[in-house]
Amino acid sequence: MRIAVTGSIATDHLMTFPGRFADQLVADQLHTVSLSFLVDTLDVRRGGVAANIAFGMGQLGTRPILAGAAGFDFDEYRAWLERHGVDTGSVRISETLHTARFVVTTDADHNQIGSFYTGAMSEARLIELKTVADRVGGLDLVLIGADDPEGMLRHTEECRSRNIPFAADFSQQIARMNGEEIRILLDGATYLFSNEYEKGLIESKTGWTDAEILAKVGHRVTTLGSRGVRIERAGEDPIEVGCAQEERKADPTGVGDAFRAGFLSGLAWGVSLERAAQVGCMLATLVIETVGTQEYRLRRAHFMERFARAYGDEPAAEVKKHLA
């Protein structure tokens, strides 16, 4: 099964300021703020929802096709992804723009000042999925993740016109989208991904009820935080899968992307929806135990041992055939 993953490719620059932002602000001079903070640490992390999902799928051996837009500075990031099993041959490289970048400074009170540079992500609207499909011999599913909004709309319309099954996954972009855009992006999706809060926001913005949305998509996949995930289909009983027990909680960033990577890998293997969700939850557990969205290491024996402990020997035996 050939799965293309569209969405953002970015790097995160995370800095820490040992003082308090509030101590540097003068109440009657806020209209002319001019501040510079001497920071103690800088962590540069690879990120972007499409790259995170593709990385996880690569770890599971399903060789995803990454179809996002990156800058002329992408060479090192490309090498990293290729080394971890990702096909980057369909990444669009901008000739003039840097890869999207999030720069944030956190103070001693955990307040943050950040900026997001869209950069090359704005060129995602120029990616033609037919070109991607022709290169790899066809596409069986396209995940349309958070990206340049115009690019998300274009990919959705192209999937419909070319009869390519697609998964809708708005995540960070749902806040800026209006109801009409969301209605366009989800109608006819084979899978609709969201967390519990986003689920309510989708219903509020579209004006559609849960039942009406279920009638417009094949499956609605809702992550429930520490309670796992629920998969719904019109006229059928929901499937609910719990989380595997984590060994520690380090950082929740990227947990949703890891779930999607595991779930999509299960689809690529041809296992049941329940089994695919279990793989997604297990991979998400590895990410929450690690600082950084692509810093975890998937050790097969360790993964299967924990999977069996969480979901049983029979499900583990089925997954092991594919993971090996």
C-alpha atoms as a PDB file:
ATOM      1  CA  MET A   1       0.000   0.000   0.000  1.00  0.00           C
ATOM      2  CA  ARG A   2       1.499   3.303  -1.122  1.00  0.00           C
ATOM      3  CA  ILE A   3       0.692   6.147   1.284  1.00  0.00           C
ATOM      4  CA  ALA A   4       1.658   9.763   0.619  1.00  0.00           C
ATOM      5  CA  VAL A   5       1.874  12.149   3.570  1.00  0.00           C
ATOM      6  CA  THR A   6       1.342  15.841   2.852  1.00  0.00           C
ATOM      7  CA  GLY A   7       1.711  18.621   5.408  1.00  0.00           C
ATOM      8  CA  SER A   8       4.289  20.816   7.061  1.00  0.00           C
ATOM      9  CA  ILE A   9       8.023  20.201   7.202  1.00  0.00           C
ATOM     10  CA  ALA A  10       9.696  22.445   9.774  1.00  0.00           C
ATOM     11  CA  THR A  11      12.415  22.889  12.344  1.00  0.00           C
ATOM     12  CA  ASP A  12      11.842  24.083  15.910  1.00  0.00           C
ATOM     13  CA  HIS A  13      14.363  26.372  17.618  1.00  0.00           C
ATOM     14  CA  LEU A  14      13.698  26.191  21.363  1.00  0.00           C
ATOM     15  CA  MET A  15      15.451  28.617  23.735  1.00  0.00           C
ATOM     16  CA  THR A  16      15.246  29.183  27.497  1.00  0.00           C
ATOM     17  CA  PHE A  17      15.562  32.514  29.295  1.00  0.00           C
ATOM     18  CA  PRO A  18      16.481  32.115  33.012  1.00  0.00           C
ATOM     19  CA  GLY A  19      14.546  35.231  34.097  1.00  0.00           C
ATOM     20  CA  ARG A  20      10.931  36.365  33.869  1.00  0.00           C
ATOM     21  CA  PHE A  21       9.517  38.231  30.872  1.00  0.00           C
ATOM     22  CA  ALA A  22       7.204  40.133  33.220  1.00  0.00           C
ATOM     23  CA  ASP A  23      10.175  41.716  35.007  1.00  0.00           C
ATOM     24  CA  GLN A  24      11.349  43.264  31.734  1.00  0.00           C
ATOM     25  CA  LEU A  25       8.072  44.984  30.842  1.00  0.00           C
ATOM     26  CA  VAL A  26       7.415  48.617  31.736  1.00  0.00           C
ATOM     27  CA  ALA A  27       3.674  49.176  32.092  1.00  0.00           C
ATOM     28  CA  ASP A  28       3.497  52.629  30.488  1.00  0.00           C
ATOM     29  CA  GLN A  29       5.943  51.767  27.669  1.00  0.00           C
ATOM     30  CA  LEU A  30       4.261  48.684  26.203  1.00  0.00           C
ATOM     31  CA  HIS A  31       3.488  50.572  22.986  1.00  0.00           C
ATOM     32  CA  THR A  32       7.233  50.892  22.274  1.00  0.00           C
ATOM     33  CA  VAL A  33       8.609  47.517  23.390  1.00  0.00           C
ATOM     34  CA  SER A  34      12.227  46.851  22.403  1.00  0.00           C
ATOM     35  CA  LEU A  35      13.692  43.853  24.207  1.00  0.00           C
ATOM     36  CA  SER A  36      16.447  41.296  23.715  1.00  0.00           C
ATOM     37  CA  PHE A  37      16.838  38.241  25.970  1.00  0.00           C
ATOM     38  CA  LEU A  38      20.152  36.511  26.627  1.00  0.00           C
ATOM     39  CA  VAL A  39      19.187  32.834  26.589  1.00  0.00           C
ATOM     40  CA  ASP A  40      20.896  29.897  28.268  1.00  0.00           C
ATOM     41  CA  THR A  41      20.075  27.024  25.931  1.00  0.00           C
ATOM     42  CA  LEU A  42      19.175  26.361  22.323  1.00  0.00           C
ATOM     43  CA  ASP A  43      17.688  23.087  21.090  1.00  0.00           C
ATOM     44  CA  VAL A  44      17.090  22.616  17.381  1.00  0.00           C
ATOM     45  CA  ARG A  45      14.514  19.889  16.710  1.00  0.00           C
ATOM     46  CA  ARG A  46      13.245  18.428  13.484  1.00  0.00           C
ATOM     47  CA  GLY A  47       9.485  18.748  13.160  1.00  0.00           C
ATOM     48  CA  GLY A  48       6.464  19.504  11.028  1.00  0.00           C
ATOM     49  CA  VAL A  49       3.435  17.215  11.100  1.00  0.00           C
ATOM     50  CA  ALA A  50       4.086  15.518   7.755  1.00  0.00           C
ATOM     51  CA  ALA A  51       7.746  14.888   8.530  1.00  0.00           C
ATOM     52  CA  ASN A  52       6.877  13.570  12.014  1.00  0.00           C
ATOM     53  CA  ILE A  53       4.269  11.163  10.643  1.00  0.00           C
ATOM     54  CA  ALA A  54       6.528  10.010   7.815  1.00  0.00           C
ATOM     55  CA  PHE A  55       9.403   9.458  10.258  1.00  0.00           C
ATOM     56  CA  GLY A  56       7.214   7.214  12.418  1.00  0.00           C
ATOM     57  CA  MET A  57       6.028   5.216   9.424  1.00  0.00           C
ATOM     58  CA  GLY A  58       9.606   4.842   8.295  1.00  0.00           C
ATOM     59  CA  GLN A  59      10.527   3.477  11.731  1.00  0.00           C
ATOM     60  CA  LEU A  60       7.824   0.836  11.268  1.00  0.00           C
ATOM     61  CA  GLY A  61       9.151  -0.085   7.825  1.00  0.00           C
ATOM     62  CA  THR A  62       6.255   1.096   5.643  1.00  0.00           C
ATOM     63  CA  ARG A  63       8.315   3.480   3.443  1.00  0.00           C
ATOM     64  CA  PRO A  64       5.931   6.487   3.265  1.00  0.00           C
ATOM     65  CA  ILE A  65       6.106   9.095   0.512  1.00  0.00           C
ATOM     66  CA  LEU A  66       6.639  12.571   1.969  1.00  0.00           C
ATOM     67  CA  ALA A  67       5.003  15.226  -0.224  1.00  0.00           C
ATOM     68  CA  GLY A  68       5.544  18.607   1.400  1.00  0.00           C
ATOM     69  CA  ALA A  69       7.489  21.769   0.636  1.00  0.00           C
ATOM     70  CA  ALA A  70      10.894  22.540   2.147  1.00  0.00           C
ATOM     71  CA  GLY A  71      13.601  25.138   1.636  1.00  0.00           C
ATOM     72  CA  PHE A  72      17.022  25.135   0.009  1.00  0.00           C
ATOM     73  CA  ASP A  73      18.416  24.302   3.474  1.00  0.00           C
ATOM     74  CA  PHE A  74      16.711  20.868   3.521  1.00  0.00           C
ATOM     75  CA  ASP A  75      19.706  18.652   2.643  1.00  0.00           C
ATOM     76  CA  GLU A  76      20.605  17.548   6.177  1.00  0.00           C
ATOM     77  CA  TYR A  77      16.971  16.999   7.149  1.00  0.00           C
ATOM     78  CA  ARG A  78      16.421  15.016   3.938  1.00  0.00           C
ATOM     79  CA  ALA A  79      19.373  12.755   4.727  1.00  0.00           C
ATOM     80  CA  TRP A  80      17.989  12.127   8.231  1.00  0.00           C
ATOM     81  CA  LEU A  81      14.547  11.155   6.917  1.00  0.00           C
ATOM     82  CA  GLU A  82      15.922   8.945   4.140  1.00  0.00           C
ATOM     83  CA  ARG A  83      18.138   7.170   6.665  1.00  0.00           C
ATOM     84  CA  HIS A  84      15.000   6.413   8.671  1.00  0.00           C
ATOM     85  CA  GLY A  85      12.984   4.923   5.849  1.00  0.00           C
ATOM     86  CA  VAL A  86      11.181   7.911   4.309  1.00  0.00           C
ATOM     87  CA  ASP A  87      10.854   8.455   0.547  1.00  0.00           C
ATOM     88  CA  THR A  88      11.638  12.177   0.094  1.00  0.00           C
ATOM     89  CA  GLY A  89      11.677  12.122  -3.690  1.00  0.00           C
ATOM     90  CA  SER A  90       8.441  14.123  -3.890  1.00  0.00           C
ATOM     91  CA  VAL A  91       9.433  16.935  -1.513  1.00  0.00           C
ATOM     92  CA  ARG A  92       9.264  20.279  -3.321  1.00  0.00           C
ATOM     93  CA  ILE A  93      12.403  22.362  -2.715  1.00  0.00           C
ATOM     94  CA  SER A  94      12.066  26.140  -2.847  1.00  0.00           C
ATOM     95  CA  GLU A  95      14.843  27.965  -4.650  1.00  0.00           C
ATOM     96  CA  THR A  96      14.463  31.122  -2.548  1.00  0.00           C
ATOM     97  CA  LEU A  97      12.892  30.280   0.834  1.00  0.00           C
ATOM     98  CA  HIS A  98      14.065  28.522   3.971  1.00  0.00           C
ATOM     99  CA  THR A  99      12.277  25.527   5.448  1.00  0.00           C
ATOM    100  CA  ALA A 100       9.435  26.580   7.772  1.00  0.00           C
ATOM    101  CA  ARG A 101      10.701  27.433  11.239  1.00  0.00           C
ATOM    102  CA  PHE A 102       9.260  27.907  14.715  1.00  0.00           C
ATOM    103  CA  VAL A 103      11.405  29.984  17.077  1.00  0.00           C
ATOM    104  CA  VAL A 104      10.321  30.237  20.711  1.00  0.00           C
ATOM    105  CA  THR A 105      11.834  31.481  23.983  1.00  0.00           C
ATOM    106  CA  THR A 106      10.504  30.164  27.295  1.00  0.00           C
ATOM    107  CA  ASP A 107      11.092  32.002  30.575  1.00  0.00           C
ATOM    108  CA  ALA A 108      11.407  30.714  34.162  1.00  0.00           C
ATOM    109  CA  ASP A 109       7.606  30.875  34.604  1.00  0.00           C
ATOM    110  CA  HIS A 110       7.070  28.826  31.408  1.00  0.00           C
ATOM    111  CA  ASN A 111       5.700  31.841  29.549  1.00  0.00           C
ATOM    112  CA  GLN A 112       6.624  31.804  25.880  1.00  0.00           C
ATOM    113  CA  ILE A 113       7.318  34.301  23.108  1.00  0.00           C
ATOM    114  CA  GLY A 114       7.459  32.671  19.719  1.00  0.00           C
ATOM    115  CA  SER A 115       7.315  33.256  15.986  1.00  0.00           C
ATOM    116  CA  PHE A 116       6.425  30.902  13.115  1.00  0.00           C
ATOM    117  CA  TYR A 117       8.049  31.481   9.754  1.00  0.00           C
ATOM    118  CA  THR A 118       6.016  29.850   6.987  1.00  0.00           C
ATOM    119  CA  GLY A 119       8.841  29.951   4.484  1.00  0.00           C
ATOM    120  CA  ALA A 120       8.816  27.231   1.864  1.00  0.00           C
ATOM    121  CA  MET A 121       5.589  25.752   3.261  1.00  0.00           C
ATOM    122  CA  SER A 122       3.744  28.411   1.245  1.00  0.00           C
ATOM    123  CA  GLU A 123       4.792  26.551  -1.920  1.00  0.00           C
ATOM    124  CA  ALA A 124       2.912  23.376  -0.925  1.00  0.00           C
ATOM    125  CA  ARG A 125       0.033  24.639  -3.076  1.00  0.00           C
ATOM    126  CA  LEU A 126       2.264  24.034  -6.132  1.00  0.00           C
ATOM    127  CA  ILE A 127       2.614  20.285  -5.478  1.00  0.00           C
ATOM    128  CA  GLU A 128       0.708  18.138  -7.995  1.00  0.00           C
ATOM    129  CA  LEU A 129      -0.302  14.769  -6.543  1.00  0.00           C
ATOM    130  CA  LYS A 130      -0.494  13.218 -10.025  1.00  0.00           C
ATOM    131  CA  THR A 131       3.243  13.807 -10.378  1.00  0.00           C
ATOM    132  CA  VAL A 132       3.785  12.055  -7.050  1.00  0.00           C
ATOM    133  CA  ALA A 133       1.557   9.142  -8.083  1.00  0.00           C
ATOM    134  CA  ASP A 134       3.271   8.767 -11.460  1.00  0.00           C
ATOM    135  CA  ARG A 135       6.686   8.633  -9.818  1.00  0.00           C
ATOM    136  CA  VAL A 136       5.809   5.816  -7.401  1.00  0.00           C
ATOM    137  CA  GLY A 137       3.349   3.845  -9.545  1.00  0.00           C
ATOM    138  CA  GLY A 138       0.092   5.103  -8.032  1.00  0.00           C
ATOM    139  CA  LEU A 139      -1.209   6.104  -4.600  1.00  0.00           C
ATOM    140  CA  ASP A 140      -3.561   4.104  -2.390  1.00  0.00           C
ATOM    141  CA  LEU A 141      -4.083   6.814   0.243  1.00  0.00           C
ATOM    142  CA  VAL A 142      -3.072  10.444   0.789  1.00  0.00           C
ATOM    143  CA  LEU A 143      -2.945  11.945   4.279  1.00  0.00           C
ATOM    144  CA  ILE A 144      -3.719  15.658   3.993  1.00  0.00           C
ATOM    145  CA  GLY A 145      -2.146  17.146   7.112  1.00  0.00           C
ATOM    146  CA  ALA A 146      -1.781  20.699   8.433  1.00  0.00           C
ATOM    147  CA  ASP A 147      -0.053  22.736   5.736  1.00  0.00           C
ATOM    148  CA  ASP A 148      -0.425  25.829   3.606  1.00  0.00           C
ATOM    149  CA  PRO A 149      -4.257  26.184   3.652  1.00  0.00           C
ATOM    150  CA  GLU A 150      -4.493  26.661  -0.110  1.00  0.00           C
ATOM    151  CA  GLY A 151      -2.331  23.576  -0.569  1.00  0.00           C
ATOM    152  CA  MET A 152      -4.638  21.518   1.662  1.00  0.00           C
ATOM    153  CA  LEU A 153      -7.654  22.552  -0.405  1.00  0.00           C
ATOM    154  CA  ARG A 154      -5.866  21.781  -3.669  1.00  0.00           C
ATOM    155  CA  HIS A 155      -4.746  18.326  -2.505  1.00  0.00           C
ATOM    156  CA  THR A 156      -8.279  17.504  -1.351  1.00  0.00           C
ATOM    157  CA  GLU A 157      -9.864  18.540  -4.639  1.00  0.00           C
ATOM    158  CA  GLU A 158      -7.246  16.619  -6.613  1.00  0.00           C
ATOM    159  CA  CYS A 159      -7.832  13.460  -4.586  1.00  0.00           C
ATOM    160  CA  ARG A 160     -11.556  13.731  -5.324  1.00  0.00           C
ATOM    161  CA  SER A 161     -11.087  14.368  -9.033  1.00  0.00           C
ATOM    162  CA  ARG A 162      -8.586  11.512  -9.410  1.00  0.00           C
ATOM    163  CA  ASN A 163     -10.480   9.104  -7.123  1.00  0.00           C
ATOM    164  CA  ILE A 164      -7.582   8.775  -4.681  1.00  0.00           C
ATOM    165  CA  PRO A 165      -8.723   7.899  -1.130  1.00  0.00           C
ATOM    166  CA  PHE A 166      -7.657  10.567   1.356  1.00  0.00           C
ATOM    167  CA  ALA A 167      -7.462  11.171   5.090  1.00  0.00           C
ATOM    168  CA  ALA A 168      -8.330  14.632   6.441  1.00  0.00           C
ATOM    169  CA  ASP A 169      -6.167  15.829   9.330  1.00  0.00           C
ATOM    170  CA  PHE A 170      -6.465  19.582   9.995  1.00  0.00           C
ATOM    171  CA  SER A 171      -4.744  19.689  13.436  1.00  0.00           C
ATOM    172  CA  GLN A 172      -3.046  23.101  13.915  1.00  0.00           C
ATOM    173  CA  GLN A 173      -4.776  24.731  10.939  1.00  0.00           C
ATOM    174  CA  ILE A 174      -8.316  24.178  12.213  1.00  0.00           C
ATOM    175  CA  ALA A 175      -8.148  27.379  14.294  1.00  0.00           C
ATOM    176  CA  ARG A 176      -7.715  29.614  11.230  1.00  0.00           C
ATOM    177  CA  MET A 177     -10.127  27.781   8.924  1.00  0.00           C
ATOM    178  CA  ASN A 178     -13.759  28.764   8.515  1.00  0.00           C
ATOM    179  CA  GLY A 179     -16.693  26.390   8.353  1.00  0.00           C
ATOM    180  CA  GLU A 180     -16.884  26.282   4.572  1.00  0.00           C
ATOM    181  CA  GLU A 181     -13.213  25.337   4.220  1.00  0.00           C
ATOM    182  CA  ILE A 182     -13.563  22.578   6.812  1.00  0.00           C
ATOM    183  CA  ARG A 183     -16.675  21.231   5.074  1.00  0.00           C
ATOM    184  CA  ILE A 184     -14.746  21.034   1.800  1.00  0.00           C
ATOM    185  CA  LEU A 185     -11.749  19.331   3.394  1.00  0.00           C
ATOM    186  CA  LEU A 186     -13.634  16.587   5.208  1.00  0.00           C
ATOM    187  CA  ASP A 187     -16.437  15.702   2.787  1.00  0.00           C
ATOM    188  CA  GLY A 188     -15.703  12.298   1.274  1.00  0.00           C
ATOM    189  CA  ALA A 189     -12.619  11.582   3.383  1.00  0.00           C
ATOM    190  CA  THR A 190     -11.913   7.900   3.991  1.00  0.00           C
ATOM    191  CA  TYR A 191     -10.547   8.869   7.423  1.00  0.00           C
ATOM    192  CA  LEU A 192     -11.057  12.011   9.497  1.00  0.00           C
ATOM    193  CA  PHE A 193      -8.456  12.487  12.254  1.00  0.00           C
ATOM    194  CA  SER A 194      -8.825  14.863  15.203  1.00  0.00           C
ATOM    195  CA  ASN A 195      -8.428  15.010  18.948  1.00  0.00           C
ATOM    196  CA  GLU A 196     -11.444  15.390  21.229  1.00  0.00           C
ATOM    197  CA  TYR A 197     -11.295  19.199  21.372  1.00  0.00           C
ATOM    198  CA  GLU A 198     -10.867  19.497  17.599  1.00  0.00           C
ATOM    199  CA  LYS A 199     -13.852  17.181  17.141  1.00  0.00           C
ATOM    200  CA  GLY A 200     -16.071  19.671  18.920  1.00  0.00           C
ATOM    201  CA  LEU A 201     -14.543  22.581  17.017  1.00  0.00           C
ATOM    202  CA  ILE A 202     -15.191  20.858  13.673  1.00  0.00           C
ATOM    203  CA  GLU A 203     -18.847  20.365  14.577  1.00  0.00           C
ATOM    204  CA  SER A 204     -19.172  23.962  15.820  1.00  0.00           C
ATOM    205  CA  LYS A 205     -17.561  25.545  12.752  1.00  0.00           C
ATOM    206  CA  THR A 206     -19.292  23.380  10.129  1.00  0.00           C
ATOM    207  CA  GLY A 207     -22.688  23.414  11.816  1.00  0.00           C
ATOM    208  CA  TRP A 208     -22.869  19.653  11.202  1.00  0.00           C
ATOM    209  CA  THR A 209     -23.732  17.193  13.959  1.00  0.00           C
ATOM    210  CA  ASP A 210     -21.590  14.192  14.779  1.00  0.00           C
ATOM    211  CA  ALA A 211     -24.043  11.968  12.890  1.00  0.00           C
ATOM    212  CA  GLU A 212     -23.985  14.240   9.832  1.00  0.00           C
ATOM    213  CA  ILE A 213     -20.186  14.191   9.753  1.00  0.00           C
ATOM    214  CA  LEU A 214     -20.123  10.397  10.106  1.00  0.00           C
ATOM    215  CA  ALA A 215     -22.378  10.209   7.052  1.00  0.00           C
ATOM    216  CA  LYS A 216     -19.824  12.205   5.040  1.00  0.00           C
ATOM    217  CA  VAL A 217     -16.643  10.287   5.955  1.00  0.00           C
ATOM    218  CA  GLY A 218     -15.655   6.646   5.958  1.00  0.00           C
ATOM    219  CA  HIS A 219     -14.187   6.564   9.461  1.00  0.00           C
ATOM    220  CA  ARG A 220     -13.885   9.156  12.210  1.00  0.00           C
ATOM    221  CA  VAL A 221     -10.735   8.628  14.285  1.00  0.00           C
ATOM    222  CA  THR A 222     -10.692  10.648  17.521  1.00  0.00           C
ATOM    223  CA  THR A 223      -7.713  10.568  19.864  1.00  0.00           C
ATOM    224  CA  LEU A 224      -8.702  10.823  23.531  1.00  0.00           C
ATOM    225  CA  GLY A 225      -5.427  11.692  25.266  1.00  0.00           C
ATOM    226  CA  SER A 226      -4.603   9.283  28.063  1.00  0.00           C
ATOM    227  CA  ARG A 227      -7.800   7.325  27.289  1.00  0.00           C
ATOM    228  CA  GLY A 228      -6.562   6.189  23.884  1.00  0.00           C
ATOM    229  CA  VAL A 229      -8.609   6.454  20.686  1.00  0.00           C
ATOM    230  CA  ARG A 230     -12.112   5.907  19.348  1.00  0.00           C
ATOM    231  CA  ILE A 231     -12.880   4.864  15.742  1.00  0.00           C
ATOM    232  CA  GLU A 232     -16.428   5.373  14.487  1.00  0.00           C
ATOM    233  CA  ARG A 233     -18.266   4.441  11.326  1.00  0.00           C
ATOM    234  CA  ALA A 234     -21.912   5.190  10.532  1.00  0.00           C
ATOM    235  CA  GLY A 235     -24.172   2.308  11.507  1.00  0.00           C
ATOM    236  CA  GLU A 236     -21.474   0.347  13.352  1.00  0.00           C
ATOM    237  CA  ASP A 237     -20.374   0.041  16.968  1.00  0.00           C
ATOM    238  CA  PRO A 238     -17.324   2.210  17.776  1.00  0.00           C
ATOM    239  CA  ILE A 239     -13.906   0.656  18.286  1.00  0.00           C
ATOM    240  CA  GLU A 240     -12.085   1.880  21.381  1.00  0.00           C
ATOM    241  CA  VAL A 241      -8.414   1.200  22.108  1.00  0.00           C
ATOM    242  CA  GLY A 242      -6.590   2.218  25.268  1.00  0.00           C
ATOM    243  CA  CYS A 243      -3.045   3.518  25.627  1.00  0.00           C
ATOM    244  CA  ALA A 244      -0.084   1.355  26.516  1.00  0.00           C
ATOM    245  CA  GLN A 245       1.434   2.158  29.897  1.00  0.00           C
ATOM    246  CA  GLU A 246       4.209   4.729  29.574  1.00  0.00           C
ATOM    247  CA  GLU A 247       7.467   4.327  31.494  1.00  0.00           C
ATOM    248  CA  ARG A 248       7.689   8.104  32.003  1.00  0.00           C
ATOM    249  CA  LYS A 249       6.147  11.305  30.700  1.00  0.00           C
ATOM    250  CA  ALA A 250       8.790  13.518  29.141  1.00  0.00           C
ATOM    251  CA  ASP A 251       7.041  15.652  26.490  1.00  0.00           C
ATOM    252  CA  PRO A 252       3.631  15.261  24.773  1.00  0.00           C
ATOM    253  CA  THR A 253       4.682  17.120  21.623  1.00  0.00           C
ATOM    254  CA  GLY A 254       4.282  14.905  18.560  1.00  0.00           C
ATOM    255  CA  VAL A 255       2.199  12.197  20.259  1.00  0.00           C
ATOM    256  CA  GLY A 256      -0.712  12.696  17.842  1.00  0.00           C
ATOM    257  CA  ASP A 257       1.618  12.503  14.844  1.00  0.00           C
ATOM    258  CA  ALA A 258       3.071   9.246  16.174  1.00  0.00           C
ATOM    259  CA  PHE A 259      -0.405   7.750  16.562  1.00  0.00           C
ATOM    260  CA  ARG A 260      -1.192   8.586  12.953  1.00  0.00           C
ATOM    261  CA  ALA A 261       2.100   7.039  11.836  1.00  0.00           C
ATOM    262  CA  GLY A 262       1.300   3.790  13.617  1.00  0.00           C
ATOM    263  CA  PHE A 263      -2.313   3.722  12.460  1.00  0.00           C
ATOM    264  CA  LEU A 264      -1.395   4.375   8.816  1.00  0.00           C
ATOM    265  CA  SER A 265       1.314   1.714   9.000  1.00  0.00           C
ATOM    266  CA  GLY A 266      -1.299  -0.762  10.224  1.00  0.00           C
ATOM    267  CA  LEU A 267      -3.464   0.143   7.226  1.00  0.00           C
ATOM    268  CA  ALA A 268      -0.481  -0.401   4.934  1.00  0.00           C
ATOM    269  CA  TRP A 269       0.026  -3.867   6.477  1.00  0.00           C
ATOM    270  CA  GLY A 270      -3.633  -4.721   5.966  1.00  0.00           C
ATOM    271  CA  VAL A 271      -4.431  -5.436   9.626  1.00  0.00           C
ATOM    272  CA  SER A 272      -7.762  -4.602  11.287  1.00  0.00           C
ATOM    273  CA  LEU A 273      -8.663  -1.081  12.387  1.00  0.00           C
ATOM    274  CA  GLU A 274      -8.390  -2.167  16.015  1.00  0.00           C
ATOM    275  CA  ARG A 275      -4.909  -3.567  15.466  1.00  0.00           C
ATOM    276  CA  ALA A 276      -3.825  -0.458  13.530  1.00  0.00           C
ATOM    277  CA  ALA A 277      -5.038   1.718  16.409  1.00  0.00           C
ATOM    278  CA  GLN A 278      -3.079  -0.413  18.872  1.00  0.00           C
ATOM    279  CA  VAL A 279       0.091   0.084  16.841  1.00  0.00           C
ATOM    280  CA  GLY A 280      -0.598   3.826  16.793  1.00  0.00           C
ATOM    281  CA  CYS A 281      -1.113   3.989  20.549  1.00  0.00           C
ATOM    282  CA  MET A 282       2.076   2.004  21.192  1.00  0.00           C
ATOM    283  CA  LEU A 283       4.146   4.298  18.984  1.00  0.00           C
ATOM    284  CA  ALA A 284       2.589   7.359  20.634  1.00  0.00           C
ATOM    285  CA  THR A 285       3.693   5.994  24.010  1.00  0.00           C
ATOM    286  CA  LEU A 286       7.310   5.912  22.814  1.00  0.00           C
ATOM    287  CA  VAL A 287       7.069   9.563  21.805  1.00  0.00           C
ATOM    288  CA  ILE A 288       5.615  10.801  25.098  1.00  0.00           C
ATOM    289  CA  GLU A 289       8.620   9.210  26.830  1.00  0.00           C
ATOM    290  CA  THR A 290      11.044  11.278  24.723  1.00  0.00           C
ATOM    291  CA  VAL A 291      11.789  14.988  24.344  1.00  0.00           C
ATOM    292  CA  GLY A 292      11.474  15.802  20.641  1.00  0.00           C
ATOM    293  CA  THR A 293       9.125  14.500  17.969  1.00  0.00           C
ATOM    294  CA  GLN A 294      11.715  12.419  16.102  1.00  0.00           C
ATOM    295  CA  GLU A 295      14.161  11.555  18.875  1.00  0.00           C
ATOM    296  CA  TYR A 296      12.694   8.207  19.911  1.00  0.00           C
ATOM    297  CA  ARG A 297      14.243   4.909  18.925  1.00  0.00           C
ATOM    298  CA  LEU A 298      12.112   1.950  17.891  1.00  0.00           C
ATOM    299  CA  ARG A 299      13.797  -1.256  19.044  1.00  0.00           C
ATOM    300  CA  ARG A 300      11.753  -4.124  17.604  1.00  0.00           C
ATOM    301  CA  ALA A 301      12.081  -6.607  20.481  1.00  0.00           C
ATOM    302  CA  HIS A 302      11.351  -3.927  23.086  1.00  0.00           C
ATOM    303  CA  PHE A 303       8.403  -2.605  21.061  1.00  0.00           C
ATOM    304  CA  MET A 304       6.850  -6.061  20.719  1.00  0.00           C
ATOM    305  CA  GLU A 305       7.374  -6.923  24.368  1.00  0.00           C
ATOM    306  CA  ARG A 306       5.512  -3.808  25.465  1.00  0.00           C
ATOM    307  CA  PHE A 307       2.859  -4.274  22.776  1.00  0.00           C
ATOM    308  CA  ALA A 308       2.139  -7.808  24.010  1.00  0.00           C
ATOM    309  CA  ARG A 309       1.948  -6.576  27.587  1.00  0.00           C
ATOM    310  CA  ALA A 310      -0.580  -3.905  26.605  1.00  0.00           C
ATOM    311  CA  TYR A 311      -2.742  -5.737  24.071  1.00  0.00           C
ATOM    312  CA  GLY A 312      -2.064  -9.475  24.404  1.00  0.00           C
ATOM    313  CA  ASP A 313       0.024 -12.192  22.799  1.00  0.00           C
ATOM    314  CA  GLU A 314      -2.273 -12.897  19.859  1.00  0.00           C
ATOM    315  CA  PRO A 315      -2.414  -9.281  18.612  1.00  0.00           C
ATOM    316  CA  ALA A 316       1.357  -9.043  19.162  1.00  0.00           C
ATOM    317  CA  ALA A 317       1.994 -12.146  17.053  1.00  0.00           C
ATOM    318  CA  GLU A 318      -0.013 -10.609  14.200  1.00  0.00           C
ATOM    319  CA  VAL A 319       1.868  -7.304  14.336  1.00  0.00           C
ATOM    320  CA  LYS A 320       5.255  -8.983  14.695  1.00  0.00           C
ATOM    321  CA  LYS A 321       4.895 -10.634  11.296  1.00  0.00           C
ATOM    322  CA  HIS A 322       4.803  -7.202   9.677  1.00  0.00           C
ATOM    323  CA  LEU A 323       7.269  -5.431  11.942  1.00  0.00           C
ATOM    324  CA  ALA A 324       9.959  -8.097  11.520  1.00  0.00           C
END
